[in-house]
């Protein structure tokens, strides 16, 4: 989502929720006329616990 839309999702909560929504959409769980809301409540603070994801300089040295 970051590459496509600039949205950050933590890999534990919001990220898993988003993956579930994407999976349900691909399985055509929703009708074309259904309104679907994904409420992103944050989680960006949790990203600091995963510096390897962002290939930060100095990580692992």
C-alpha atoms as a PDB file:
ATOM      1  CA  UNK A   1       0.000   0.000   0.000  1.00  0.00           C
ATOM      2  CA  UNK A   2       2.888   2.335   0.610  1.00  0.00           C
ATOM      3  CA  UNK A   3       4.217   1.912  -2.924  1.00  0.00           C
ATOM      4  CA  UNK A   4       0.787   2.376  -4.478  1.00  0.00           C
ATOM      5  CA  UNK A   5      -0.926   4.868  -2.179  1.00  0.00           C
ATOM      6  CA  UNK A   6       1.634   6.070   0.371  1.00  0.00           C
ATOM      7  CA  UNK A   7      -0.192   4.362   3.241  1.00  0.00           C
ATOM      8  CA  UNK A   8       1.731   2.747   6.089  1.00  0.00           C
ATOM      9  CA  UNK A   9       0.330  -0.301   7.867  1.00  0.00           C
ATOM     10  CA  UNK A  10       1.975  -2.088  10.753  1.00  0.00           C
ATOM     11  CA  UNK A  11       2.640  -5.772   9.987  1.00  0.00           C
ATOM     12  CA  UNK A  12       0.667  -7.074  12.975  1.00  0.00           C
ATOM     13  CA  UNK A  13      -2.731  -5.433  13.320  1.00  0.00           C
ATOM     14  CA  UNK A  14      -3.701  -3.041  10.539  1.00  0.00           C
ATOM     15  CA  UNK A  15      -1.579  -4.907   7.998  1.00  0.00           C
ATOM     16  CA  UNK A  16      -3.274  -8.221   8.711  1.00  0.00           C
ATOM     17  CA  UNK A  17      -6.686  -6.566   8.658  1.00  0.00           C
ATOM     18  CA  UNK A  18      -5.931  -5.006   5.283  1.00  0.00           C
ATOM     19  CA  UNK A  19      -4.703  -8.345   3.924  1.00  0.00           C
ATOM     20  CA  UNK A  20      -7.982  -9.927   5.063  1.00  0.00           C
ATOM     21  CA  UNK A  21      -9.973  -7.221   3.280  1.00  0.00           C
ATOM     22  CA  UNK A  22      -7.954  -7.699   0.106  1.00  0.00           C
ATOM     23  CA  UNK A  23      -8.455 -11.471   0.327  1.00  0.00           C
ATOM     24  CA  UNK A  24     -12.220 -11.119   0.803  1.00  0.00           C
ATOM     25  CA  UNK A  25     -12.387  -8.705  -2.124  1.00  0.00           C
ATOM     26  CA  UNK A  26     -10.501 -11.105  -4.405  1.00  0.00           C
ATOM     27  CA  UNK A  27     -12.862 -13.901  -3.369  1.00  0.00           C
ATOM     28  CA  UNK A  28     -15.764 -11.633  -4.421  1.00  0.00           C
ATOM     29  CA  UNK A  29     -17.293 -11.775  -0.953  1.00  0.00           C
ATOM     30  CA  UNK A  30     -18.895  -8.387  -1.445  1.00  0.00           C
ATOM     31  CA  UNK A  31     -21.613  -7.471  -3.899  1.00  0.00           C
ATOM     32  CA  UNK A  32     -20.747  -4.782  -6.450  1.00  0.00           C
ATOM     33  CA  UNK A  33     -23.142  -2.366  -4.756  1.00  0.00           C
ATOM     34  CA  UNK A  34     -21.975  -3.084  -1.185  1.00  0.00           C
ATOM     35  CA  UNK A  35     -20.377  -0.265   0.752  1.00  0.00           C
ATOM     36  CA  UNK A  36     -17.187  -1.473   2.409  1.00  0.00           C
ATOM     37  CA  UNK A  37     -15.350   0.643   4.957  1.00  0.00           C
ATOM     38  CA  UNK A  38     -11.853  -0.066   6.214  1.00  0.00           C
ATOM     39  CA  UNK A  39     -11.086   1.988   9.296  1.00  0.00           C
ATOM     40  CA  UNK A  40      -7.351   2.483   9.693  1.00  0.00           C
ATOM     41  CA  UNK A  41      -6.986   3.450  13.343  1.00  0.00           C
ATOM     42  CA  UNK A  42      -3.249   3.976  13.323  1.00  0.00           C
ATOM     43  CA  UNK A  43      -0.471   1.581  14.073  1.00  0.00           C
ATOM     44  CA  UNK A  44       2.300   3.689  12.594  1.00  0.00           C
ATOM     45  CA  UNK A  45       3.959   3.902  16.019  1.00  0.00           C
ATOM     46  CA  UNK A  46       4.416   0.121  15.896  1.00  0.00           C
ATOM     47  CA  UNK A  47       6.507   0.477  12.739  1.00  0.00           C
ATOM     48  CA  UNK A  48       9.498   1.551  14.828  1.00  0.00           C
ATOM     49  CA  UNK A  49       9.654  -2.010  16.121  1.00  0.00           C
ATOM     50  CA  UNK A  50      10.385  -3.313  12.593  1.00  0.00           C
ATOM     51  CA  UNK A  51      13.354  -1.297  11.228  1.00  0.00           C
ATOM     52  CA  UNK A  52      14.431  -4.176   8.965  1.00  0.00           C
ATOM     53  CA  UNK A  53      11.306  -3.669   6.857  1.00  0.00           C
ATOM     54  CA  UNK A  54      12.497  -0.229   5.839  1.00  0.00           C
ATOM     55  CA  UNK A  55      16.152  -1.224   5.287  1.00  0.00           C
ATOM     56  CA  UNK A  56      17.291   1.608   7.531  1.00  0.00           C
ATOM     57  CA  UNK A  57      20.990   2.560   7.483  1.00  0.00           C
ATOM     58  CA  UNK A  58      22.837   1.257  10.509  1.00  0.00           C
ATOM     59  CA  UNK A  59      20.328  -1.493  11.253  1.00  0.00           C
ATOM     60  CA  UNK A  60      22.040  -4.711  12.283  1.00  0.00           C
ATOM     61  CA  UNK A  61      25.521  -3.225  12.564  1.00  0.00           C
END
